[in-house]
C-alpha cells in the first residue's frame, strides 16, 4: 500500500503542478460564466443584434394590404404591381419582395441573398393570421370566439407521494439528469484517455522498466488510475466552488434583476424552437428562473450528488483500467484505435439514447437494464435518478458496478503485467486473451 500511495502522490502532483491543469481548472469556470453572461445578454437584446428587414409586398389578392403590421424585425411596404416591385425592390433598398397572387397559390418571397428561415417563418405567421381573420369575416364568424375555442388545454403534472400531492418538476428532472449524465460521459473519456497516454509515454520512454523493478505491475496501474482520478475530483471541487461563487457575484451585479425579461425572452425563443417538443416548450414557457431553481431544489439533490460521485469514481476506475490495459498493449497512440471502439461503444450508445429513450421512459425495461450493466450504468442511472429510482434497483446497480470494477481491474492487470514490457509486436485480441491466461 505504501508503494501504491507513492505512485498516487507522483501521478497527482505531476499533473496538478502543470500550467495546463491550472489553466483548465480556473479557466473553465470563468469561460462558463462568460458564456452565461453573453447568453443572457443575447437573449435580452437579441432584437437589436440585426437590422430590421424591409419587405415590399405585391398583394394581388387584396386581403393583406395595410394589414401586415410592422414588428421589431420586419417592416412592410405595399406595391400594387408585382412586375414593378420585382424590378425595383433591390434598388429601393428593400431586403425582400413578397408576391401574393390573387388565388393565394404559390406565394413567393424573393431576395438577392438566400432568405432567412426565421424571417420566412415570421412572414408566414403574419400571412396566416390575416388570412384566417379574412376567411372568418367572410363567413360571419367572430374571430374572438374562434380564438377562445382554439385556446390550448394545459396539464399540470402532479406527483402523488406519501406526504400528499406535489409538483412533479419534470423540466428540472430533465435538466439535472441530462447534465449529470453528460458530465460523467465527458470525464470518463477525458480522464481515461489521460491514463492511457500516461501508460504509453512511460512504456515508450522505458521509464516503466525502472519502476517495475520496484513495484508490481498491478500496483503501478492502480496508483496511476487513482492518482489521475483524484486530479479529476480536485477539478470538480474547484469548478463547483468557483462556479457557485461567480454565479452569486453575477447575480449581485444586477443580471439577476433581469430575470423577468430573460424569462420572457426565453419563452418567445423556446416557443419557436424546432428542437423542442410542444410539451417541453410549454413547460419552459410557463416557468421563470425562480420557479426553475425552486424545482431543482425540490429534487433529492443530496442523493443525486452522492450517487454522482459514486458513479463517477467507480465508472472512472472501470474505464480507466480498460484504457490502461490498452495503453500497455501498444507502442503508440495511433495503434489504440482497434481497441478503443469496443471500449467506448457502450458509453456512446447510452449517451445517444439518453436524450430520447431513457429520459422519456426512465422506468422502461431498456432503461432499467442499462442502469444495471456496469459499462452503461454511470450514464443511465444518472438520468433516471431525478425521476425516482427504487432503492433496490439503485443498490443493485451500485453493487454490480463495484463488482464490474473489480473484475475489470483483474482482467486489465493481467494484460498490463505482460503488455507493459512488450515492445515491437503489435497486439491483437487473440494475443490479449493469451496474456490474460498467462500464469505468474
Protein backbone atom coordinates (compact mmCIF):
# COMPACT_ATOMS: atom_id res chain seq x y z
CA UNK A 1 0.00 0.00 0.00
CA UNK A 2 2.90 2.35 0.68
CA UNK A 3 4.16 1.84 -2.87
CA UNK A 4 0.72 2.47 -4.32
CA UNK A 5 0.44 5.63 -2.20
CA UNK A 6 3.78 6.87 -3.57
CA UNK A 7 2.65 6.25 -7.14
CA UNK A 8 -0.65 8.04 -6.44
CA UNK A 9 1.25 11.01 -5.00
CA UNK A 10 3.56 11.13 -8.01
CA UNK A 11 0.71 10.95 -10.54
CA UNK A 12 -1.35 13.52 -8.66
CA UNK A 13 1.37 16.12 -8.04
CA UNK A 14 2.93 15.78 -11.51
CA UNK A 15 -0.40 16.74 -13.07
CA UNK A 16 -1.64 19.29 -10.55
CA UNK A 17 1.58 21.31 -10.82
CA UNK A 18 1.30 21.67 -14.60
CA UNK A 19 0.34 25.05 -16.01
CA UNK A 20 -2.22 23.38 -18.25
CA UNK A 21 -4.02 21.98 -15.18
CA UNK A 22 -4.18 25.40 -13.55
CA UNK A 23 -5.34 27.00 -16.80
CA UNK A 24 -8.14 24.47 -17.35
CA UNK A 25 -9.18 24.29 -13.69
CA UNK A 26 -9.51 28.02 -13.16
CA UNK A 27 -10.29 28.97 -16.75
CA UNK A 28 -13.29 26.71 -17.28
CA UNK A 29 -15.48 28.40 -14.61
CA UNK A 30 -14.56 31.82 -15.99
CA UNK A 31 -15.35 30.63 -19.51
CA UNK A 32 -18.63 29.12 -18.32
CA UNK A 33 -19.72 32.30 -16.55
CA UNK A 34 -18.65 34.38 -19.55
CA UNK A 35 -20.76 32.23 -21.84
CA UNK A 36 -23.66 32.50 -19.38
CA UNK A 37 -23.44 36.31 -19.30
CA UNK A 38 -23.18 36.51 -23.10
CA UNK A 39 -26.15 34.16 -23.48
CA UNK A 40 -28.27 36.28 -21.13
CA UNK A 41 -27.26 39.45 -22.98
CA UNK A 42 -28.10 37.92 -26.37
CA UNK A 43 -31.46 36.67 -25.12
CA UNK A 44 -32.40 40.08 -23.70
CA UNK A 45 -31.12 42.21 -26.56
CA UNK A 46 -31.46 39.80 -29.48
CA UNK A 47 -33.86 42.14 -31.30
CA UNK A 48 -31.15 44.79 -31.57
CA UNK A 49 -28.50 42.49 -32.98
CA UNK A 50 -29.86 42.51 -36.52
CA UNK A 51 -31.22 45.23 -38.78
CA UNK A 52 -34.94 45.45 -39.37
CA UNK A 53 -35.73 43.74 -42.67
CA UNK A 54 -37.79 45.69 -45.19
CA UNK A 55 -40.35 43.77 -47.23
CA UNK A 56 -42.02 45.15 -50.38
CA UNK A 57 -45.41 43.42 -50.68
CA UNK A 58 -47.14 42.96 -54.04
CA UNK A 59 -50.64 41.87 -52.97
CA UNK A 60 -52.84 40.87 -55.91
CA UNK A 61 -55.49 39.30 -53.64
CA UNK A 62 -56.40 42.45 -51.74
CA UNK A 63 -56.51 40.55 -48.47
CA UNK A 64 -53.30 41.82 -46.91
CA UNK A 65 -52.83 45.46 -47.96
CA UNK A 66 -52.37 47.52 -44.80
CA UNK A 67 -52.96 44.54 -42.52
CA UNK A 68 -49.41 43.26 -42.16
CA UNK A 69 -48.19 45.18 -39.13
CA UNK A 70 -44.54 46.07 -38.57
CA UNK A 71 -42.61 44.19 -35.87
CA UNK A 72 -39.18 44.59 -34.27
CA UNK A 73 -37.61 42.70 -37.15
CA UNK A 74 -39.90 43.35 -40.14
CA UNK A 75 -41.34 46.42 -41.89
CA UNK A 76 -43.85 46.18 -44.73
CA UNK A 77 -44.44 48.49 -47.71
CA UNK A 78 -47.05 47.84 -50.40
CA UNK A 79 -46.82 47.98 -54.18
CA UNK A 80 -49.76 47.33 -56.48
CA UNK A 81 -47.74 45.94 -59.40
CA UNK A 82 -45.70 42.79 -58.88
CA UNK A 83 -43.65 43.45 -62.02
CA UNK A 84 -42.63 46.87 -60.74
CA UNK A 85 -41.92 45.54 -57.24
CA UNK A 86 -39.73 42.72 -58.50
CA UNK A 87 -37.76 45.02 -60.79
CA UNK A 88 -37.13 47.80 -58.29
CA UNK A 89 -37.16 46.38 -54.73
CA UNK A 90 -33.36 45.92 -54.57
CA UNK A 91 -32.63 49.37 -55.97
CA UNK A 92 -35.05 50.93 -53.48
CA UNK A 93 -33.25 49.29 -50.55
CA UNK A 94 -35.72 46.51 -49.74
CA UNK A 95 -34.47 43.15 -48.50
CA UNK A 96 -37.38 41.07 -49.77
CA UNK A 97 -40.16 41.17 -52.34
CA UNK A 98 -43.27 39.28 -51.28
CA UNK A 99 -45.57 38.25 -54.16
CA UNK A 100 -49.11 37.23 -53.17
CA UNK A 101 -51.15 36.00 -56.18
CA UNK A 102 -54.89 36.57 -56.33
CA UNK A 103 -55.65 32.88 -55.69
CA UNK A 104 -53.14 32.73 -52.76
CA UNK A 105 -51.33 29.88 -54.51
CA UNK A 106 -47.54 29.77 -54.89
CA UNK A 107 -46.78 32.80 -52.70
CA UNK A 108 -43.13 33.72 -53.26
CA UNK A 109 -40.53 35.51 -51.14
CA UNK A 110 -37.82 36.89 -53.40
CA UNK A 111 -34.47 38.23 -52.24
CA UNK A 112 -30.99 38.86 -53.58
CA UNK A 113 -29.49 36.52 -50.97
CA UNK A 114 -30.86 33.26 -49.62
CA UNK A 115 -33.93 34.05 -47.45
CA UNK A 116 -33.59 33.79 -43.70
CA UNK A 117 -35.69 30.90 -42.36
CA UNK A 118 -36.69 32.89 -39.28
CA UNK A 119 -37.88 35.79 -41.45
CA UNK A 120 -39.75 33.37 -43.67
CA UNK A 121 -41.47 31.84 -40.65
CA UNK A 122 -42.44 35.24 -39.25
CA UNK A 123 -43.96 36.32 -42.58
CA UNK A 124 -45.84 33.04 -42.91
CA UNK A 125 -47.30 33.51 -39.41
CA UNK A 126 -48.37 37.07 -40.24
CA UNK A 127 -50.00 35.97 -43.53
CA UNK A 128 -51.76 33.07 -41.82
CA UNK A 129 -53.23 35.31 -39.12
CA UNK A 130 -54.55 37.84 -41.64
CA UNK A 131 -55.91 35.12 -43.95
CA UNK A 132 -57.66 33.37 -41.07
CA UNK A 133 -59.29 36.62 -39.92
CA UNK A 134 -60.40 37.38 -43.51
CA UNK A 135 -61.97 33.95 -44.02
CA UNK A 136 -63.76 34.14 -40.67
CA UNK A 137 -65.09 37.59 -41.54
CA UNK A 138 -66.42 36.35 -44.87
CA UNK A 139 -68.19 33.53 -43.06
CA UNK A 140 -69.58 36.00 -40.49
CA UNK A 141 -67.80 34.23 -37.64
CA UNK A 142 -66.45 36.19 -34.69
CA UNK A 143 -62.68 35.68 -34.59
CA UNK A 144 -62.69 36.12 -30.79
CA UNK A 145 -64.93 33.06 -30.44
CA UNK A 146 -62.61 31.02 -32.65
CA UNK A 147 -59.54 32.18 -30.73
CA UNK A 148 -61.19 31.15 -27.47
CA UNK A 149 -62.14 27.77 -28.97
CA UNK A 150 -58.55 27.20 -30.10
CA UNK A 151 -57.11 28.03 -26.71
CA UNK A 152 -54.87 25.08 -25.77
CA UNK A 153 -55.55 22.99 -22.69
CA UNK A 154 -52.53 22.67 -20.42
CA UNK A 155 -51.89 19.89 -17.95
CA UNK A 156 -50.12 20.47 -14.66
CA UNK A 157 -48.03 17.38 -13.82
CA UNK A 158 -48.51 16.34 -10.17
CA UNK A 159 -46.81 13.57 -8.26
CA UNK A 160 -48.58 11.57 -5.55
CA UNK A 161 -46.27 10.94 -2.58
CA UNK A 162 -46.63 9.72 0.99
CA UNK A 163 -46.96 13.33 2.16
CA UNK A 164 -49.54 14.20 -0.48
CA UNK A 165 -49.57 15.70 -3.95
CA UNK A 166 -46.73 17.93 -5.14
CA UNK A 167 -45.38 19.46 -8.32
CA UNK A 168 -43.67 16.79 -10.45
CA UNK A 169 -40.94 19.27 -11.55
CA UNK A 170 -40.45 17.41 -14.83
CA UNK A 171 -38.32 20.08 -16.53
CA UNK A 172 -35.90 20.25 -13.59
CA UNK A 173 -35.59 16.44 -13.58
CA UNK A 174 -34.88 16.50 -17.33
CA UNK A 175 -32.16 19.13 -16.94
CA UNK A 176 -30.40 17.66 -13.89
CA UNK A 177 -30.45 14.14 -15.32
CA UNK A 178 -29.05 15.08 -18.71
CA UNK A 179 -26.39 17.42 -17.30
CA UNK A 180 -25.17 14.83 -14.79
CA UNK A 181 -25.02 12.10 -17.42
CA UNK A 182 -23.21 14.30 -19.94
CA UNK A 183 -20.58 15.38 -17.38
CA UNK A 184 -19.87 11.75 -16.46
CA UNK A 185 -19.67 10.84 -20.15
CA UNK A 186 -17.10 13.53 -20.87
CA UNK A 187 -14.99 12.90 -17.75
CA UNK A 188 -14.83 9.13 -18.27
CA UNK A 189 -13.45 9.66 -21.77
CA UNK A 190 -11.20 12.59 -20.80
CA UNK A 191 -9.51 11.13 -17.72
CA UNK A 192 -9.49 7.59 -19.10
CA UNK A 193 -7.58 8.86 -22.13
CA UNK A 194 -5.13 10.61 -19.77
CA UNK A 195 -4.39 7.29 -18.07
CA UNK A 196 -3.85 5.60 -21.43
CA UNK A 197 -1.49 8.33 -22.66
CA UNK A 198 0.47 8.21 -19.41
CA UNK A 199 0.97 4.45 -19.74
CA UNK A 200 2.07 4.78 -23.38
CA UNK A 201 4.53 7.58 -22.55
CA UNK A 202 6.15 5.61 -19.75
CA UNK A 203 6.33 2.50 -21.91
CA UNK A 204 7.86 4.28 -24.93
CA UNK A 205 10.41 6.17 -22.79
CA UNK A 206 11.34 2.92 -20.99
CA UNK A 207 10.80 4.57 -17.61
CA UNK A 208 8.42 1.77 -16.75
CA UNK A 209 11.28 -0.74 -16.79
CA UNK A 210 12.89 1.07 -13.88
CA UNK A 211 9.61 1.43 -11.99
CA UNK A 212 8.64 -2.24 -12.46
CA UNK A 213 11.88 -3.28 -10.74
CA UNK A 214 10.50 -1.80 -7.51
CA UNK A 215 6.73 -2.32 -7.72
CA UNK A 216 4.33 -4.87 -9.15
CA UNK A 217 2.54 -4.01 -12.41
CA UNK A 218 -0.87 -4.02 -10.72
CA UNK A 219 0.41 -1.59 -8.09
CA UNK A 220 1.68 0.73 -10.82
CA UNK A 221 -1.61 0.52 -12.71
CA UNK A 222 -3.78 1.15 -9.63
CA UNK A 223 -1.57 4.02 -8.49
CA UNK A 224 -1.84 5.68 -11.90
CA UNK A 225 -5.62 5.20 -12.09
CA UNK A 226 -6.29 6.51 -8.57
CA UNK A 227 -3.87 9.42 -8.97
CA UNK A 228 -5.50 10.67 -12.17
CA UNK A 229 -8.93 10.12 -10.60
CA UNK A 230 -8.01 12.37 -7.66
CA UNK A 231 -6.94 15.02 -10.17
CA UNK A 232 -10.42 14.83 -11.67
CA UNK A 233 -12.07 15.14 -8.25
CA UNK A 234 -9.91 18.13 -7.44
CA UNK A 235 -11.01 19.84 -10.62
CA UNK A 236 -14.67 19.08 -9.88
CA UNK A 237 -14.48 20.58 -6.38
CA UNK A 238 -12.74 23.73 -7.64
CA UNK A 239 -15.19 24.09 -10.53
CA UNK A 240 -18.20 23.78 -8.23
CA UNK A 241 -16.85 26.31 -5.72
CA UNK A 242 -15.71 28.84 -8.32
CA UNK A 243 -18.83 28.49 -10.46
CA UNK A 244 -21.10 28.96 -7.44
CA UNK A 245 -19.11 31.99 -6.28
CA UNK A 246 -19.02 33.60 -9.72
CA UNK A 247 -22.72 32.97 -10.31
CA UNK A 248 -23.52 34.61 -6.99
CA UNK A 249 -21.34 37.57 -7.97
CA UNK A 250 -23.06 37.87 -11.33
CA UNK A 251 -26.42 37.93 -9.57
CA UNK A 252 -25.25 40.67 -7.21
CA UNK A 253 -24.01 42.73 -10.17
CA UNK A 254 -27.56 43.00 -11.38
CA UNK A 255 -28.08 40.34 -14.00
CA UNK A 256 -30.47 38.67 -11.60
CA UNK A 257 -32.73 41.71 -11.80
CA UNK A 258 -33.21 40.94 -15.48
CA UNK A 259 -34.80 37.56 -14.66
CA UNK A 260 -38.33 38.52 -15.76
CA UNK A 261 -37.01 39.95 -19.00
CA UNK A 262 -34.84 36.89 -19.56
CA UNK A 263 -37.78 34.63 -18.79
CA UNK A 264 -39.98 36.41 -21.33
CA UNK A 265 -37.25 36.24 -23.97
CA UNK A 266 -36.70 32.56 -23.30
CA UNK A 267 -40.41 31.91 -23.62
CA UNK A 268 -40.53 33.62 -27.03
CA UNK A 269 -37.37 31.92 -28.20
CA UNK A 270 -38.19 28.45 -26.99
CA UNK A 271 -41.77 28.50 -28.25
CA UNK A 272 -40.39 28.95 -31.76
CA UNK A 273 -37.61 26.44 -31.36
CA UNK A 274 -37.85 23.45 -33.69
CA UNK A 275 -35.56 21.43 -31.46
CA UNK A 276 -38.08 21.13 -28.62
CA UNK A 277 -41.39 19.36 -28.48
CA UNK A 278 -44.56 21.34 -27.84
CA UNK A 279 -44.90 19.88 -24.37
CA UNK A 280 -41.36 20.85 -23.42
CA UNK A 281 -41.70 24.36 -24.83
CA UNK A 282 -44.98 24.82 -22.96
CA UNK A 283 -43.41 23.62 -19.72
CA UNK A 284 -40.48 26.01 -20.07
CA UNK A 285 -42.67 28.92 -21.13
CA UNK A 286 -44.81 28.52 -18.01
CA UNK A 287 -41.84 28.74 -15.64
CA UNK A 288 -39.48 31.56 -14.87
CA UNK A 289 -35.99 31.31 -13.43
CA UNK A 290 -37.14 31.46 -9.84
CA UNK A 291 -39.61 28.64 -10.34
CA UNK A 292 -37.00 26.58 -12.16
CA UNK A 293 -34.49 26.97 -9.31
CA UNK A 294 -37.21 26.07 -6.84
CA UNK A 295 -37.93 22.95 -8.90
CA UNK A 296 -34.26 21.97 -8.82
CA UNK A 297 -34.13 22.37 -5.04
CA UNK A 298 -37.19 20.12 -4.72
CA UNK A 299 -35.24 17.21 -6.21
CA UNK A 300 -33.28 14.86 -3.90
CA UNK A 301 -30.06 16.78 -4.53
CA UNK A 302 -28.18 15.11 -1.67
CA UNK A 303 -28.84 11.65 -3.09
CA UNK A 304 -28.07 12.83 -6.62
CA UNK A 305 -24.71 14.35 -5.58
CA UNK A 306 -23.68 11.24 -3.61
CA UNK A 307 -24.66 8.96 -6.48
CA UNK A 308 -22.90 11.25 -8.96
CA UNK A 309 -19.63 10.93 -7.01
CA UNK A 310 -20.05 7.15 -6.69
CA UNK A 311 -20.81 6.57 -10.37
CA UNK A 312 -18.11 8.99 -11.45
CA UNK A 313 -15.44 7.31 -9.28
CA UNK A 314 -16.23 3.67 -9.98
CA UNK A 315 -17.19 4.32 -13.58
CA UNK A 316 -13.88 6.10 -13.97
CA UNK A 317 -11.98 3.24 -12.27
CA UNK A 318 -13.67 0.68 -14.53
CA UNK A 319 -13.00 2.51 -17.78
CA UNK A 320 -9.53 3.71 -16.76
CA UNK A 321 -8.49 0.11 -16.09
CA UNK A 322 -9.54 -0.75 -19.64
CA UNK A 323 -7.72 2.30 -21.02
CA UNK A 324 -4.60 1.37 -19.04
CA UNK A 325 -4.71 -2.16 -20.46
CA UNK A 326 -4.97 -0.76 -23.98
CA UNK A 327 -2.07 1.63 -23.34
CA UNK A 328 0.14 -1.23 -22.13
CA UNK A 329 -0.64 -3.35 -25.19
CA UNK A 330 0.52 -0.81 -27.82
CA UNK A 331 3.67 1.15 -28.61
CA UNK A 332 2.00 4.36 -29.84
CA UNK A 333 -1.31 6.15 -29.57
CA UNK A 334 -2.13 5.51 -33.23
CA UNK A 335 -2.25 1.75 -32.54
CA UNK A 336 -5.02 2.15 -29.95
CA UNK A 337 -7.82 2.67 -32.48
CA UNK A 338 -8.59 -1.03 -32.95
CA UNK A 339 -9.17 -1.40 -29.19
CA UNK A 340 -10.93 1.91 -28.49
CA UNK A 341 -14.22 1.25 -30.32
CA UNK A 342 -15.35 -1.73 -28.20
CA UNK A 343 -14.48 0.21 -25.02
CA UNK A 344 -16.19 3.49 -25.90
CA UNK A 345 -19.17 1.96 -27.74
CA UNK A 346 -21.26 1.34 -24.56
CA UNK A 347 -20.76 4.97 -23.49
CA UNK A 348 -21.62 6.36 -26.92
CA UNK A 349 -24.64 4.05 -27.24
CA UNK A 350 -26.02 5.12 -23.86
CA UNK A 351 -25.46 8.85 -24.34
CA UNK A 352 -27.20 8.65 -27.73
CA UNK A 353 -30.23 7.04 -26.09
CA UNK A 354 -30.18 9.39 -23.11
CA UNK A 355 -32.00 12.31 -24.76
CA UNK A 356 -34.73 10.16 -26.28
CA UNK A 357 -35.41 6.71 -24.90
CA UNK A 358 -34.09 6.90 -21.34
CA UNK A 359 -35.17 10.45 -20.48
CA UNK A 360 -38.70 9.87 -21.80
CA UNK A 361 -39.06 6.34 -20.41
CA UNK A 362 -36.90 6.17 -17.27
CA UNK A 363 -38.79 3.12 -15.93
CA UNK A 364 -38.82 1.08 -19.14
CA UNK A 365 -37.12 -2.31 -19.26
CA UNK A 366 -34.36 -0.94 -21.51
CA UNK A 367 -33.64 1.98 -19.15
CA UNK A 368 -33.55 -0.33 -16.12
CA UNK A 369 -31.20 -2.79 -17.78
CA UNK A 370 -28.88 -0.02 -18.98
CA UNK A 371 -28.74 1.32 -15.42
CA UNK A 372 -27.69 -2.14 -14.16
CA UNK A 373 -24.96 -3.05 -16.67
CA UNK A 374 -21.64 -1.71 -15.26
CA UNK A 375 -20.44 -0.34 -18.62
CA UNK A 376 -23.58 1.76 -19.10
CA UNK A 377 -24.94 2.35 -15.56
CA UNK A 378 -22.93 5.55 -14.78
CA UNK A 379 -24.83 7.42 -17.52
CA UNK A 380 -28.20 5.64 -17.48
CA UNK A 381 -28.64 5.78 -13.69
CA UNK A 382 -27.78 9.48 -13.52
CA UNK A 383 -30.61 10.18 -15.96
CA UNK A 384 -33.09 8.03 -14.00
CA UNK A 385 -32.25 9.37 -10.52
CA UNK A 386 -34.16 12.71 -10.70
CA UNK A 387 -37.32 10.80 -11.68
CA UNK A 388 -37.11 8.48 -8.68
CA UNK A 389 -35.47 5.05 -8.62
CA UNK A 390 -36.50 2.17 -6.31
CA UNK A 391 -33.95 1.62 -3.57
CA UNK A 392 -33.32 -1.99 -4.56
CA UNK A 393 -32.52 -1.00 -8.15
CA UNK A 394 -30.08 1.67 -7.01
CA UNK A 395 -28.39 -0.70 -4.56
CA UNK A 396 -28.16 -3.49 -7.15
CA UNK A 397 -26.77 -1.09 -9.75
CA UNK A 398 -24.07 0.11 -7.33
CA UNK A 399 -23.18 -3.47 -6.36
CA UNK A 400 -22.90 -4.57 -9.98
CA UNK A 401 -20.75 -1.55 -10.82
CA UNK A 402 -18.46 -2.34 -7.90
CA UNK A 403 -18.18 -5.99 -8.97
CA UNK A 404 -17.66 -4.91 -12.57
CA UNK A 405 -14.86 -2.61 -11.46
CA UNK A 406 -13.12 -5.42 -9.55
CA UNK A 407 -13.46 -7.84 -12.46
CA UNK A 408 -12.25 -5.26 -14.97
CA UNK A 409 -9.22 -4.39 -12.83
CA UNK A 410 -8.33 -8.09 -12.57
CA UNK A 411 -8.51 -8.56 -16.36
CA UNK A 412 -6.72 -5.29 -17.08
CA UNK A 413 -3.95 -6.10 -14.60
CA UNK A 414 -3.22 -9.42 -16.31
CA UNK A 415 -2.95 -7.65 -19.67
CA UNK A 416 -0.95 -4.82 -18.14
CA UNK A 417 1.69 -7.08 -16.49
CA UNK A 418 2.62 -8.60 -19.89
CA UNK A 419 1.99 -5.73 -22.26
CA UNK A 420 3.89 -3.07 -20.33
CA UNK A 421 7.19 -4.81 -21.11
CA UNK A 422 6.26 -5.99 -24.62
CA UNK A 423 7.90 -4.00 -27.44
CA UNK A 424 7.88 -4.20 -31.22
CA UNK A 425 4.98 -6.62 -31.51
CA UNK A 426 1.50 -5.44 -32.49
CA UNK A 427 -1.08 -6.97 -30.21
CA UNK A 428 -4.48 -8.24 -31.32
CA UNK A 429 -7.46 -9.64 -29.45
CA UNK A 430 -6.16 -13.21 -29.70
CA UNK A 431 -2.86 -12.11 -28.22
CA UNK A 432 -4.61 -10.28 -25.37
CA UNK A 433 -6.54 -13.45 -24.47
CA UNK A 434 -3.22 -15.31 -24.19
CA UNK A 435 -1.86 -12.62 -21.88
CA UNK A 436 -4.89 -12.95 -19.61
CA UNK A 437 -4.34 -16.71 -19.23
CA UNK A 438 -0.58 -16.49 -18.64
CA UNK A 439 0.49 -17.79 -15.24
CA UNK A 440 2.53 -15.64 -12.87
